[in-house]
Amino acid sequence: MTARVEHALNLTRGRLKLWLVFEDDAAVAEARSLIQLKKARNLLALSRSDLEYRHEKAVRQILERYAGHTPPPVETVEEPKPASRRRAASRQPAEAVSG
Protein backbone atom coordinates (compact mmCIF):
# COMPACT_ATOMS: atom_id res chain seq x y z
CA MET A 1 0.00 0.00 0.00
CA THR A 2 2.73 2.42 1.01
CA ALA A 3 4.73 1.69 -2.13
CA ARG A 4 1.68 2.36 -4.31
CA VAL A 5 0.98 5.72 -2.65
CA GLU A 6 4.68 6.70 -2.85
CA HIS A 7 4.77 5.73 -6.53
CA ALA A 8 1.68 7.85 -7.22
CA LEU A 9 3.23 10.81 -5.42
CA ASN A 10 6.36 10.50 -7.53
CA LEU A 11 4.32 10.33 -10.73
CA THR A 12 2.21 13.41 -10.13
CA ARG A 13 4.68 15.78 -8.49
CA GLY A 14 1.77 18.08 -7.71
CA ARG A 15 0.84 18.75 -11.33
CA LEU A 16 -1.84 16.13 -11.91
CA LYS A 17 -4.78 14.91 -9.87
CA LEU A 18 -4.46 11.16 -9.54
CA TRP A 19 -7.10 8.72 -8.36
CA LEU A 20 -5.98 5.51 -6.73
CA VAL A 21 -8.74 2.91 -7.00
CA PHE A 22 -8.92 0.01 -4.56
CA GLU A 23 -11.24 -2.99 -4.40
CA ASP A 24 -11.17 -3.20 -0.60
CA ASP A 25 -12.60 -0.52 1.72
CA ALA A 26 -9.87 -1.23 4.27
CA ALA A 27 -7.24 -0.51 1.62
CA VAL A 28 -9.00 2.76 0.76
CA ALA A 29 -8.94 3.81 4.43
CA GLU A 30 -5.25 2.94 4.75
CA ALA A 31 -4.37 4.80 1.56
CA ARG A 32 -6.34 7.86 2.68
CA SER A 33 -4.45 7.98 5.97
CA LEU A 34 -1.11 7.74 4.13
CA ILE A 35 -2.18 10.50 1.75
CA GLN A 36 -3.14 12.69 4.72
CA LEU A 37 0.25 12.08 6.35
CA LYS A 38 1.98 13.13 3.13
CA LYS A 39 -0.39 16.13 2.83
CA ALA A 40 -0.86 15.29 -0.83
CA ARG A 41 -3.76 17.25 -2.24
CA ASN A 42 -3.25 15.80 -5.68
CA LEU A 43 -4.02 12.20 -4.68
CA LEU A 44 -7.41 10.70 -3.98
CA ALA A 45 -8.10 7.14 -2.82
CA LEU A 46 -11.40 5.73 -4.08
CA SER A 47 -13.18 2.43 -3.83
CA ARG A 48 -14.43 0.80 -7.02
CA SER A 49 -18.02 1.80 -6.15
CA ASP A 50 -16.95 5.44 -5.52
CA LEU A 51 -15.29 5.52 -8.93
CA GLU A 52 -18.37 4.10 -10.65
CA TYR A 53 -20.60 6.62 -8.84
CA ARG A 54 -18.37 9.54 -9.92
CA HIS A 55 -18.37 8.30 -13.50
CA GLU A 56 -22.16 7.91 -13.61
CA LYS A 57 -22.62 11.35 -12.05
CA ALA A 58 -20.31 12.98 -14.61
CA VAL A 59 -22.06 11.27 -17.53
CA ARG A 60 -25.46 12.28 -16.15
CA GLN A 61 -24.34 15.92 -15.82
CA ILE A 62 -23.05 15.96 -19.38
CA LEU A 63 -26.26 14.43 -20.73
CA GLU A 64 -28.42 16.89 -18.76
CA ARG A 65 -26.33 19.82 -19.92
CA TYR A 66 -26.57 18.93 -23.57
CA ALA A 67 -30.06 17.35 -23.64
CA GLY A 68 -32.03 18.99 -26.45
CA HIS A 69 -29.09 21.22 -27.14
CA THR A 70 -28.13 21.58 -30.75
CA PRO A 71 -24.62 22.77 -31.37
CA PRO A 72 -24.34 26.20 -32.97
CA PRO A 73 -23.73 26.17 -36.69
CA VAL A 74 -20.13 26.37 -37.66
CA GLU A 75 -19.46 29.45 -39.71
CA THR A 76 -16.97 29.04 -42.46
CA VAL A 77 -14.74 32.02 -42.71
CA GLU A 78 -13.00 32.50 -45.98
CA GLU A 79 -9.38 33.27 -45.47
CA PRO A 80 -8.08 36.18 -47.48
CA LYS A 81 -5.92 35.15 -50.39
CA PRO A 82 -2.33 36.21 -50.13
CA ALA A 83 -1.41 39.19 -52.29
CA SER A 84 0.17 38.16 -55.54
CA ARG A 85 3.84 38.86 -55.79
CA ARG A 86 4.87 41.17 -58.56
CA ARG A 87 8.05 40.71 -60.41
CA ALA A 88 10.58 43.36 -59.67
CA ALA A 89 11.36 45.62 -62.57
CA SER A 90 14.72 44.98 -64.12
CA ARG A 91 17.40 47.23 -62.75
CA GLN A 92 19.21 47.30 -66.09
CA PRO A 93 18.24 50.06 -68.49
CA ALA A 94 16.93 48.77 -71.83
CA GLU A 95 19.87 50.22 -73.84
CA ALA A 96 22.40 48.44 -71.65
CA VAL A 97 21.29 45.08 -73.01
CA SER A 98 23.95 43.85 -75.40
CA GLY A 99 22.88 42.45 -78.66
PDB file of N, CA and C in Angstrom:
ATOM      1  N   MET A   1       0.832  -1.184   0.000  1.00  0.00           N
ATOM      2  CA  MET A   1       0.000   0.000   0.000  1.00  0.00           C
ATOM      3  C   MET A   1       0.881   1.254   0.000  1.00  0.00           C
ATOM      4  N   THR A   2       1.848   1.268   0.897  1.00  0.00           N
ATOM      5  CA  THR A   2       2.735   2.421   1.012  1.00  0.00           C
ATOM      6  C   THR A   2       3.498   2.641  -0.287  1.00  0.00           C
ATOM      7  N   ALA A   3       3.971   1.575  -0.878  1.00  0.00           N
ATOM      8  CA  ALA A   3       4.728   1.689  -2.134  1.00  0.00           C
ATOM      9  C   ALA A   3       3.844   2.257  -3.240  1.00  0.00           C
ATOM     10  N   ARG A   4       2.590   1.861  -3.281  1.00  0.00           N
ATOM     11  CA  ARG A   4       1.678   2.358  -4.311  1.00  0.00           C
ATOM     12  C   ARG A   4       1.413   3.857  -4.151  1.00  0.00           C
ATOM     13  N   VAL A   5       1.213   4.300  -2.913  1.00  0.00           N
ATOM     14  CA  VAL A   5       0.983   5.720  -2.654  1.00  0.00           C
ATOM     15  C   VAL A   5       2.248   6.513  -2.971  1.00  0.00           C
ATOM     16  N   GLU A   6       3.411   6.022  -2.564  1.00  0.00           N
ATOM     17  CA  GLU A   6       4.682   6.700  -2.850  1.00  0.00           C
ATOM     18  C   GLU A   6       4.905   6.802  -4.355  1.00  0.00           C
ATOM     19  N   HIS A   7       4.614   5.724  -5.065  1.00  0.00           N
ATOM     20  CA  HIS A   7       4.770   5.731  -6.525  1.00  0.00           C
ATOM     21  C   HIS A   7       3.846   6.771  -7.165  1.00  0.00           C
ATOM     22  N   ALA A   8       2.626   6.860  -6.689  1.00  0.00           N
ATOM     23  CA  ALA A   8       1.679   7.851  -7.221  1.00  0.00           C
ATOM     24  C   ALA A   8       2.158   9.261  -6.931  1.00  0.00           C
ATOM     25  N   LEU A   9       2.694   9.487  -5.755  1.00  0.00           N
ATOM     26  CA  LEU A   9       3.232  10.808  -5.423  1.00  0.00           C
ATOM     27  C   LEU A   9       4.383  11.183  -6.347  1.00  0.00           C
ATOM     28  N   ASN A  10       5.238  10.238  -6.637  1.00  0.00           N
ATOM     29  CA  ASN A  10       6.360  10.502  -7.534  1.00  0.00           C
ATOM     30  C   ASN A  10       5.900  10.765  -8.963  1.00  0.00           C
ATOM     31  N   LEU A  11       4.829  10.128  -9.374  1.00  0.00           N
ATOM     32  CA  LEU A  11       4.319  10.332 -10.728  1.00  0.00           C
ATOM     33  C   LEU A  11       3.716  11.717 -10.917  1.00  0.00           C
ATOM     34  N   THR A  12       2.956  12.165  -9.933  1.00  0.00           N
ATOM     35  CA  THR A  12       2.209  13.409 -10.126  1.00  0.00           C
ATOM     36  C   THR A  12       3.041  14.651  -9.860  1.00  0.00           C
ATOM     37  N   ARG A  13       3.852  14.634  -8.869  1.00  0.00           N
ATOM     38  CA  ARG A  13       4.682  15.780  -8.488  1.00  0.00           C
ATOM     39  C   ARG A  13       3.869  17.060  -8.353  1.00  0.00           C
ATOM     40  N   GLY A  14       2.598  16.915  -7.959  1.00  0.00           N
ATOM     41  CA  GLY A  14       1.766  18.081  -7.708  1.00  0.00           C
ATOM     42  C   GLY A  14       1.129  18.686  -8.934  1.00  0.00           C
ATOM     43  N   ARG A  15       1.388  18.160 -10.112  1.00  0.00           N
ATOM     44  CA  ARG A  15       0.837  18.746 -11.332  1.00  0.00           C
ATOM     45  C   ARG A  15      -0.480  18.127 -11.733  1.00  0.00           C
ATOM     46  N   LEU A  16      -0.650  16.849 -11.476  1.00  0.00           N
ATOM     47  CA  LEU A  16      -1.843  16.132 -11.909  1.00  0.00           C
ATOM     48  C   LEU A  16      -2.647  15.673 -10.707  1.00  0.00           C
ATOM     49  N   LYS A  17      -3.933  15.511 -10.906  1.00  0.00           N
ATOM     50  CA  LYS A  17      -4.783  14.907  -9.872  1.00  0.00           C
ATOM     51  C   LYS A  17      -4.872  13.427 -10.219  1.00  0.00           C
ATOM     52  N   LEU A  18      -4.509  12.594  -9.290  1.00  0.00           N
ATOM     53  CA  LEU A  18      -4.459  11.164  -9.544  1.00  0.00           C
ATOM     54  C   LEU A  18      -5.399  10.439  -8.597  1.00  0.00           C
ATOM     55  N   TRP A  19      -6.186   9.533  -9.155  1.00  0.00           N
ATOM     56  CA  TRP A  19      -7.102   8.721  -8.355  1.00  0.00           C
ATOM     57  C   TRP A  19      -6.509   7.332  -8.225  1.00  0.00           C
ATOM     58  N   LEU A  20      -6.387   6.888  -6.999  1.00  0.00           N
ATOM     59  CA  LEU A  20      -5.983   5.514  -6.734  1.00  0.00           C
ATOM     60  C   LEU A  20      -7.244   4.728  -6.415  1.00  0.00           C
ATOM     61  N   VAL A  21      -7.507   3.682  -7.166  1.00  0.00           N
ATOM     62  CA  VAL A  21      -8.739   2.911  -7.004  1.00  0.00           C
ATOM     63  C   VAL A  21      -8.394   1.572  -6.364  1.00  0.00           C
ATOM     64  N   PHE A  22      -9.141   1.244  -5.304  1.00  0.00           N
ATOM     65  CA  PHE A  22      -8.922   0.009  -4.559  1.00  0.00           C
ATOM     66  C   PHE A  22     -10.220  -0.788  -4.514  1.00  0.00           C
ATOM     67  N   GLU A  23     -10.083  -2.104  -4.474  1.00  0.00           N
ATOM     68  CA  GLU A  23     -11.241  -2.990  -4.395  1.00  0.00           C
ATOM     69  C   GLU A  23     -11.758  -3.094  -2.964  1.00  0.00           C
ATOM     70  N   ASP A  24     -10.885  -2.948  -2.008  1.00  0.00           N
ATOM     71  CA  ASP A  24     -11.171  -3.197  -0.598  1.00  0.00           C
ATOM     72  C   ASP A  24     -11.332  -1.867   0.145  1.00  0.00           C
ATOM     73  N   ASP A  25     -12.382  -1.741   0.948  1.00  0.00           N
ATOM     74  CA  ASP A  25     -12.603  -0.516   1.720  1.00  0.00           C
ATOM     75  C   ASP A  25     -11.515  -0.284   2.759  1.00  0.00           C
ATOM     76  N   ALA A  26     -10.962  -1.361   3.300  1.00  0.00           N
ATOM     77  CA  ALA A  26      -9.871  -1.226   4.269  1.00  0.00           C
ATOM     78  C   ALA A  26      -8.633  -0.630   3.603  1.00  0.00           C
ATOM     79  N   ALA A  27      -8.382  -1.044   2.361  1.00  0.00           N
ATOM     80  CA  ALA A  27      -7.243  -0.505   1.619  1.00  0.00           C
ATOM     81  C   ALA A  27      -7.451   0.981   1.318  1.00  0.00           C
ATOM     82  N   VAL A  28      -8.678   1.352   1.020  1.00  0.00           N
ATOM     83  CA  VAL A  28      -9.000   2.761   0.764  1.00  0.00           C
ATOM     84  C   VAL A  28      -8.725   3.583   2.014  1.00  0.00           C
ATOM     85  N   ALA A  29      -9.157   3.096   3.167  1.00  0.00           N
ATOM     86  CA  ALA A  29      -8.944   3.815   4.428  1.00  0.00           C
ATOM     87  C   ALA A  29      -7.451   3.959   4.730  1.00  0.00           C
ATOM     88  N   GLU A  30      -6.694   2.890   4.498  1.00  0.00           N
ATOM     89  CA  GLU A  30      -5.254   2.943   4.746  1.00  0.00           C
ATOM     90  C   GLU A  30      -4.568   3.925   3.797  1.00  0.00           C
ATOM     91  N   ALA A  31      -4.950   3.886   2.537  1.00  0.00           N
ATOM     92  CA  ALA A  31      -4.365   4.803   1.562  1.00  0.00           C
ATOM     93  C   ALA A  31      -4.710   6.255   1.893  1.00  0.00           C
ATOM     94  N   ARG A  32      -5.941   6.498   2.317  1.00  0.00           N
ATOM     95  CA  ARG A  32      -6.336   7.862   2.675  1.00  0.00           C
ATOM     96  C   ARG A  32      -5.524   8.385   3.848  1.00  0.00           C
ATOM     97  N   SER A  33      -5.254   7.528   4.826  1.00  0.00           N
ATOM     98  CA  SER A  33      -4.454   7.978   5.973  1.00  0.00           C
ATOM     99  C   SER A  33      -3.015   8.278   5.541  1.00  0.00           C
ATOM    100  N   LEU A  34      -2.462   7.465   4.643  1.00  0.00           N
ATOM    101  CA  LEU A  34      -1.115   7.740   4.131  1.00  0.00           C
ATOM    102  C   LEU A  34      -1.085   9.041   3.337  1.00  0.00           C
ATOM    103  N   ILE A  35      -2.112   9.275   2.548  1.00  0.00           N
ATOM    104  CA  ILE A  35      -2.185  10.501   1.754  1.00  0.00           C
ATOM    105  C   ILE A  35      -2.271  11.715   2.670  1.00  0.00           C
ATOM    106  N   GLN A  36      -3.039  11.592   3.759  1.00  0.00           N
ATOM    107  CA  GLN A  36      -3.138  12.691   4.725  1.00  0.00           C
ATOM    108  C   GLN A  36      -1.798  12.962   5.391  1.00  0.00           C
ATOM    109  N   LEU A  37      -1.068  11.898   5.739  1.00  0.00           N
ATOM    110  CA  LEU A  37       0.253  12.075   6.348  1.00  0.00           C
ATOM    111  C   LEU A  37       1.206  12.804   5.410  1.00  0.00           C
ATOM    112  N   LYS A  38       1.112  12.504   4.125  1.00  0.00           N
ATOM    113  CA  LYS A  38       1.977  13.133   3.125  1.00  0.00           C
ATOM    114  C   LYS A  38       1.478  14.521   2.718  1.00  0.00           C
ATOM    115  N   LYS A  39       0.256  14.856   3.166  1.00  0.00           N
ATOM    116  CA  LYS A  39      -0.387  16.132   2.830  1.00  0.00           C
ATOM    117  C   LYS A  39      -0.446  16.335   1.307  1.00  0.00           C
ATOM    118  N   ALA A  40      -0.786  15.252   0.632  1.00  0.00           N
ATOM    119  CA  ALA A  40      -0.858  15.285  -0.827  1.00  0.00           C
ATOM    120  C   ALA A  40      -2.271  15.640  -1.258  1.00  0.00           C
ATOM    121  N   ARG A  41      -2.438  16.820  -1.773  1.00  0.00           N
ATOM    122  CA  ARG A  41      -3.758  17.252  -2.237  1.00  0.00           C
ATOM    123  C   ARG A  41      -4.068  16.741  -3.639  1.00  0.00           C
ATOM    124  N   ASN A  42      -3.063  16.247  -4.309  1.00  0.00           N
ATOM    125  CA  ASN A  42      -3.246  15.801  -5.684  1.00  0.00           C
ATOM    126  C   ASN A  42      -3.556  14.311  -5.800  1.00  0.00           C
ATOM    127  N   LEU A  43      -3.679  13.616  -4.673  1.00  0.00           N
ATOM    128  CA  LEU A  43      -4.022  12.197  -4.678  1.00  0.00           C
ATOM    129  C   LEU A  43      -5.359  11.980  -4.003  1.00  0.00           C
ATOM    130  N   LEU A  44      -6.118  11.038  -4.552  1.00  0.00           N
ATOM    131  CA  LEU A  44      -7.411  10.703  -3.978  1.00  0.00           C
ATOM    132  C   LEU A  44      -7.576   9.192  -4.022  1.00  0.00           C
ATOM    133  N   ALA A  45      -7.870   8.589  -2.892  1.00  0.00           N
ATOM    134  CA  ALA A  45      -8.095   7.144  -2.824  1.00  0.00           C
ATOM    135  C   ALA A  45      -9.593   6.884  -2.908  1.00  0.00           C
ATOM    136  N   LEU A  46      -9.985   6.037  -3.855  1.00  0.00           N
ATOM    137  CA  LEU A  46     -11.395   5.726  -4.079  1.00  0.00           C
ATOM    138  C   LEU A  46     -11.608   4.222  -4.082  1.00  0.00           C
ATOM    139  N   SER A  47     -12.787   3.830  -3.663  1.00  0.00           N
ATOM    140  CA  SER A  47     -13.175   2.429  -3.826  1.00  0.00           C
ATOM    141  C   SER A  47     -13.746   2.279  -5.239  1.00  0.00           C
ATOM    142  N   ARG A  48     -13.894   1.052  -5.673  1.00  0.00           N
ATOM    143  CA  ARG A  48     -14.433   0.801  -7.016  1.00  0.00           C
ATOM    144  C   ARG A  48     -15.836   1.392  -7.147  1.00  0.00           C
ATOM    145  N   SER A  49     -16.656   1.266  -6.093  1.00  0.00           N
ATOM    146  CA  SER A  49     -18.022   1.802  -6.150  1.00  0.00           C
ATOM    147  C   SER A  49     -18.013   3.335  -6.187  1.00  0.00           C
ATOM    148  N   ASP A  50     -17.072   3.977  -5.455  1.00  0.00           N
ATOM    149  CA  ASP A  50     -16.948   5.439  -5.517  1.00  0.00           C
ATOM    150  C   ASP A  50     -16.608   5.901  -6.931  1.00  0.00           C
ATOM    151  N   LEU A  51     -15.691   5.170  -7.565  1.00  0.00           N
ATOM    152  CA  LEU A  51     -15.290   5.523  -8.927  1.00  0.00           C
ATOM    153  C   LEU A  51     -16.466   5.392  -9.886  1.00  0.00           C
ATOM    154  N   GLU A  52     -17.216   4.299  -9.778  1.00  0.00           N
ATOM    155  CA  GLU A  52     -18.370   4.100 -10.654  1.00  0.00           C
ATOM    156  C   GLU A  52     -19.424   5.180 -10.420  1.00  0.00           C
ATOM    157  N   TYR A  53     -19.640   5.561  -9.156  1.00  0.00           N
ATOM    158  CA  TYR A  53     -20.601   6.619  -8.837  1.00  0.00           C
ATOM    159  C   TYR A  53     -20.154   7.950  -9.466  1.00  0.00           C
ATOM    160  N   ARG A  54     -18.874   8.287  -9.342  1.00  0.00           N
ATOM    161  CA  ARG A  54     -18.367   9.538  -9.922  1.00  0.00           C
ATOM    162  C   ARG A  54     -18.528   9.541 -11.438  1.00  0.00           C
ATOM    163  N   HIS A  55     -18.243   8.397 -12.047  1.00  0.00           N
ATOM    164  CA  HIS A  55     -18.366   8.296 -13.499  1.00  0.00           C
ATOM    165  C   HIS A  55     -19.821   8.491 -13.934  1.00  0.00           C
ATOM    166  N   GLU A  56     -20.744   7.790 -13.274  1.00  0.00           N
ATOM    167  CA  GLU A  56     -22.164   7.911 -13.613  1.00  0.00           C
ATOM    168  C   GLU A  56     -22.659   9.338 -13.409  1.00  0.00           C
ATOM    169  N   LYS A  57     -22.225   9.979 -12.337  1.00  0.00           N
ATOM    170  CA  LYS A  57     -22.623  11.351 -12.052  1.00  0.00           C
ATOM    171  C   LYS A  57     -22.117  12.300 -13.144  1.00  0.00           C
ATOM    172  N   ALA A  58     -20.869  12.122 -13.567  1.00  0.00           N
ATOM    173  CA  ALA A  58     -20.308  12.978 -14.608  1.00  0.00           C
ATOM    174  C   ALA A  58     -21.039  12.786 -15.936  1.00  0.00           C
ATOM    175  N   VAL A  59     -21.341  11.539 -16.280  1.00  0.00           N
ATOM    176  CA  VAL A  59     -22.063  11.268 -17.526  1.00  0.00           C
ATOM    177  C   VAL A  59     -23.463  11.869 -17.457  1.00  0.00           C
ATOM    178  N   ARG A  60     -24.123  11.718 -16.324  1.00  0.00           N
ATOM    179  CA  ARG A  60     -25.463  12.284 -16.151  1.00  0.00           C
ATOM    180  C   ARG A  60     -25.439  13.805 -16.302  1.00  0.00           C
ATOM    181  N   GLN A  61     -24.453  14.465 -15.709  1.00  0.00           N
ATOM    182  CA  GLN A  61     -24.342  15.919 -15.817  1.00  0.00           C
ATOM    183  C   GLN A  61     -24.117  16.360 -17.253  1.00  0.00           C
ATOM    184  N   ILE A  62     -23.305  15.618 -17.979  1.00  0.00           N
ATOM    185  CA  ILE A  62     -23.054  15.959 -19.381  1.00  0.00           C
ATOM    186  C   ILE A  62     -24.320  15.790 -20.196  1.00  0.00           C
ATOM    187  N   LEU A  63     -25.026  14.676 -19.978  1.00  0.00           N
ATOM    188  CA  LEU A  63     -26.258  14.435 -20.728  1.00  0.00           C
ATOM    189  C   LEU A  63     -27.320  15.486 -20.413  1.00  0.00           C
ATOM    190  N   GLU A  64     -27.447  15.868 -19.133  1.00  0.00           N
ATOM    191  CA  GLU A  64     -28.416  16.894 -18.756  1.00  0.00           C
ATOM    192  C   GLU A  64     -28.048  18.236 -19.358  1.00  0.00           C
ATOM    193  N   ARG A  65     -26.777  18.523 -19.389  1.00  0.00           N
ATOM    194  CA  ARG A  65     -26.326  19.819 -19.916  1.00  0.00           C
ATOM    195  C   ARG A  65     -26.601  19.950 -21.403  1.00  0.00           C
ATOM    196  N   TYR A  66     -26.421  18.862 -22.118  1.00  0.00           N
ATOM    197  CA  TYR A  66     -26.572  18.927 -23.565  1.00  0.00           C
ATOM    198  C   TYR A  66     -27.857  18.297 -24.087  1.00  0.00           C
ATOM    199  N   ALA A  67     -28.791  17.940 -23.212  1.00  0.00           N
ATOM    200  CA  ALA A  67     -30.059  17.352 -23.645  1.00  0.00           C
ATOM    201  C   ALA A  67     -30.854  18.405 -24.421  1.00  0.00           C
ATOM    202  N   GLY A  68     -31.252  18.066 -25.618  1.00  0.00           N
ATOM    203  CA  GLY A  68     -32.025  18.988 -26.449  1.00  0.00           C
ATOM    204  C   GLY A  68     -31.217  20.170 -26.941  1.00  0.00           C
ATOM    205  N   HIS A  69     -29.954  20.123 -26.739  1.00  0.00           N
ATOM    206  CA  HIS A  69     -29.087  21.223 -27.142  1.00  0.00           C
ATOM    207  C   HIS A  69     -28.496  20.905 -28.503  1.00  0.00           C
ATOM    208  N   THR A  70     -28.740  21.776 -29.449  1.00  0.00           N
ATOM    209  CA  THR A  70     -28.127  21.579 -30.753  1.00  0.00           C
ATOM    210  C   THR A  70     -26.897  22.469 -30.822  1.00  0.00           C
ATOM    211  N   PRO A  71     -25.824  21.953 -31.307  1.00  0.00           N
ATOM    212  CA  PRO A  71     -24.617  22.767 -31.370  1.00  0.00           C
ATOM    213  C   PRO A  71     -24.808  23.934 -32.336  1.00  0.00           C
ATOM    214  N   PRO A  72     -24.201  25.057 -32.068  1.00  0.00           N
ATOM    215  CA  PRO A  72     -24.343  26.197 -32.965  1.00  0.00           C
ATOM    216  C   PRO A  72     -23.728  25.868 -34.321  1.00  0.00           C
ATOM    217  N   PRO A  73     -24.293  26.452 -35.377  1.00  0.00           N
ATOM    218  CA  PRO A  73     -23.731  26.167 -36.694  1.00  0.00           C
ATOM    219  C   PRO A  73     -22.307  26.705 -36.796  1.00  0.00           C
ATOM    220  N   VAL A  74     -21.521  25.964 -37.491  1.00  0.00           N
ATOM    221  CA  VAL A  74     -20.132  26.367 -37.664  1.00  0.00           C
ATOM    222  C   VAL A  74     -20.056  27.292 -38.861  1.00  0.00           C
ATOM    223  N   GLU A  75     -19.589  28.488 -38.623  1.00  0.00           N
ATOM    224  CA  GLU A  75     -19.461  29.450 -39.707  1.00  0.00           C
ATOM    225  C   GLU A  75     -18.131  29.234 -40.396  1.00  0.00           C
ATOM    226  N   THR A  76     -18.212  29.170 -41.717  1.00  0.00           N
ATOM    227  CA  THR A  76     -16.968  29.042 -42.458  1.00  0.00           C
ATOM    228  C   THR A  76     -16.496  30.434 -42.817  1.00  0.00           C
ATOM    229  N   VAL A  77     -15.327  30.717 -42.436  1.00  0.00           N
ATOM    230  CA  VAL A  77     -14.742  32.022 -42.712  1.00  0.00           C
ATOM    231  C   VAL A  77     -13.722  31.841 -43.812  1.00  0.00           C
ATOM    232  N   GLU A  78     -13.946  32.596 -44.892  1.00  0.00           N
ATOM    233  CA  GLU A  78     -12.996  32.498 -45.981  1.00  0.00           C
ATOM    234  C   GLU A  78     -11.746  33.269 -45.621  1.00  0.00           C
ATOM    235  N   GLU A  79     -10.637  32.607 -45.770  1.00  0.00           N
ATOM    236  CA  GLU A  79      -9.380  33.266 -45.469  1.00  0.00           C
ATOM    237  C   GLU A  79      -9.001  34.142 -46.649  1.00  0.00           C
ATOM    238  N   PRO A  80      -8.476  35.309 -46.364  1.00  0.00           N
ATOM    239  CA  PRO A  80      -8.076  36.176 -47.480  1.00  0.00           C
ATOM    240  C   PRO A  80      -6.922  35.538 -48.243  1.00  0.00           C
ATOM    241  N   LYS A  81      -6.982  35.700 -49.564  1.00  0.00           N
ATOM    242  CA  LYS A  81      -5.922  35.151 -50.393  1.00  0.00           C
ATOM    243  C   LYS A  81      -4.682  36.023 -50.239  1.00  0.00           C
ATOM    244  N   PRO A  82      -3.538  35.403 -50.244  1.00  0.00           N
ATOM    245  CA  PRO A  82      -2.329  36.207 -50.128  1.00  0.00           C
ATOM    246  C   PRO A  82      -2.165  37.085 -51.363  1.00  0.00           C
ATOM    247  N   ALA A  83      -1.623  38.265 -51.170  1.00  0.00           N
ATOM    248  CA  ALA A  83      -1.414  39.193 -52.287  1.00  0.00           C
ATOM    249  C   ALA A  83      -0.430  38.565 -53.263  1.00  0.00           C
ATOM    250  N   SER A  84      -0.726  38.741 -54.537  1.00  0.00           N
ATOM    251  CA  SER A  84       0.166  38.160 -55.543  1.00  0.00           C
ATOM    252  C   SER A  84       1.474  38.935 -55.544  1.00  0.00           C
ATOM    253  N   ARG A  85       2.525  38.227 -55.764  1.00  0.00           N
ATOM    254  CA  ARG A  85       3.842  38.862 -55.789  1.00  0.00           C
ATOM    255  C   ARG A  85       4.114  39.385 -57.188  1.00  0.00           C
ATOM    256  N   ARG A  86       4.524  40.589 -57.250  1.00  0.00           N
ATOM    257  CA  ARG A  86       4.873  41.171 -58.555  1.00  0.00           C
ATOM    258  C   ARG A  86       6.349  40.959 -58.798  1.00  0.00           C
ATOM    259  N   ARG A  87       6.646  40.824 -60.054  1.00  0.00           N
ATOM    260  CA  ARG A  87       8.053  40.710 -60.409  1.00  0.00           C
ATOM    261  C   ARG A  87       8.691  42.080 -60.295  1.00  0.00           C
ATOM    262  N   ALA A  88       9.860  42.096 -59.772  1.00  0.00           N
ATOM    263  CA  ALA A  88      10.576  43.364 -59.665  1.00  0.00           C
ATOM    264  C   ALA A  88      11.014  43.798 -61.051  1.00  0.00           C
ATOM    265  N   ALA A  89      10.914  45.082 -61.280  1.00  0.00           N
ATOM    266  CA  ALA A  89      11.356  45.618 -62.572  1.00  0.00           C
ATOM    267  C   ALA A  89      12.859  45.424 -62.691  1.00  0.00           C
ATOM    268  N   SER A  90      13.299  45.182 -63.885  1.00  0.00           N
ATOM    269  CA  SER A  90      14.720  44.977 -64.117  1.00  0.00           C
ATOM    270  C   SER A  90      15.476  46.237 -63.738  1.00  0.00           C
ATOM    271  N   ARG A  91      16.593  46.084 -63.150  1.00  0.00           N
ATOM    272  CA  ARG A  91      17.400  47.233 -62.753  1.00  0.00           C
ATOM    273  C   ARG A  91      18.307  47.697 -63.881  1.00  0.00           C
ATOM    274  N   GLN A  92      18.379  46.919 -64.941  1.00  0.00           N
ATOM    275  CA  GLN A  92      19.207  47.299 -66.086  1.00  0.00           C
ATOM    276  C   GLN A  92      18.397  48.157 -67.037  1.00  0.00           C
ATOM    277  N   PRO A  93      18.955  49.271 -67.463  1.00  0.00           N
ATOM    278  CA  PRO A  93      18.242  50.061 -68.493  1.00  0.00           C
ATOM    279  C   PRO A  93      18.175  49.274 -69.807  1.00  0.00           C
ATOM    280  N   ALA A  94      17.165  49.517 -70.596  1.00  0.00           N
ATOM    281  CA  ALA A  94      16.932  48.775 -71.831  1.00  0.00           C
ATOM    282  C   ALA A  94      18.105  48.895 -72.788  1.00  0.00           C
ATOM    283  N   GLU A  95      18.765  50.062 -72.889  1.00  0.00           N
ATOM    284  CA  GLU A  95      19.874  50.224 -73.838  1.00  0.00           C
ATOM    285  C   GLU A  95      21.149  49.531 -73.384  1.00  0.00           C
ATOM    286  N   ALA A  96      21.202  49.101 -72.135  1.00  0.00           N
ATOM    287  CA  ALA A  96      22.398  48.437 -71.645  1.00  0.00           C
ATOM    288  C   ALA A  96      22.444  46.983 -72.067  1.00  0.00           C
ATOM    289  N   VAL A  97      21.346  46.461 -72.611  1.00  0.00           N
ATOM    290  CA  VAL A  97      21.291  45.080 -73.011  1.00  0.00           C
ATOM    291  C   VAL A  97      22.142  44.927 -74.270  1.00  0.00           C
ATOM    292  N   SER A  98      23.105  44.044 -74.209  1.00  0.00           N
ATOM    293  CA  SER A  98      23.954  43.855 -75.398  1.00  0.00           C
ATOM    294  C   SER A  98      23.262  42.977 -76.413  1.00  0.00           C
ATOM    295  N   GLY A  99      23.596  43.202 -77.660  1.00  0.00           N
ATOM    296  CA  GLY A  99      22.875  42.455 -78.664  1.00  0.00           C
ATOM    297  C   GLY A  99      23.660  41.958 -79.764  1.00  0.00           C
TER     298      GLY A  99
END
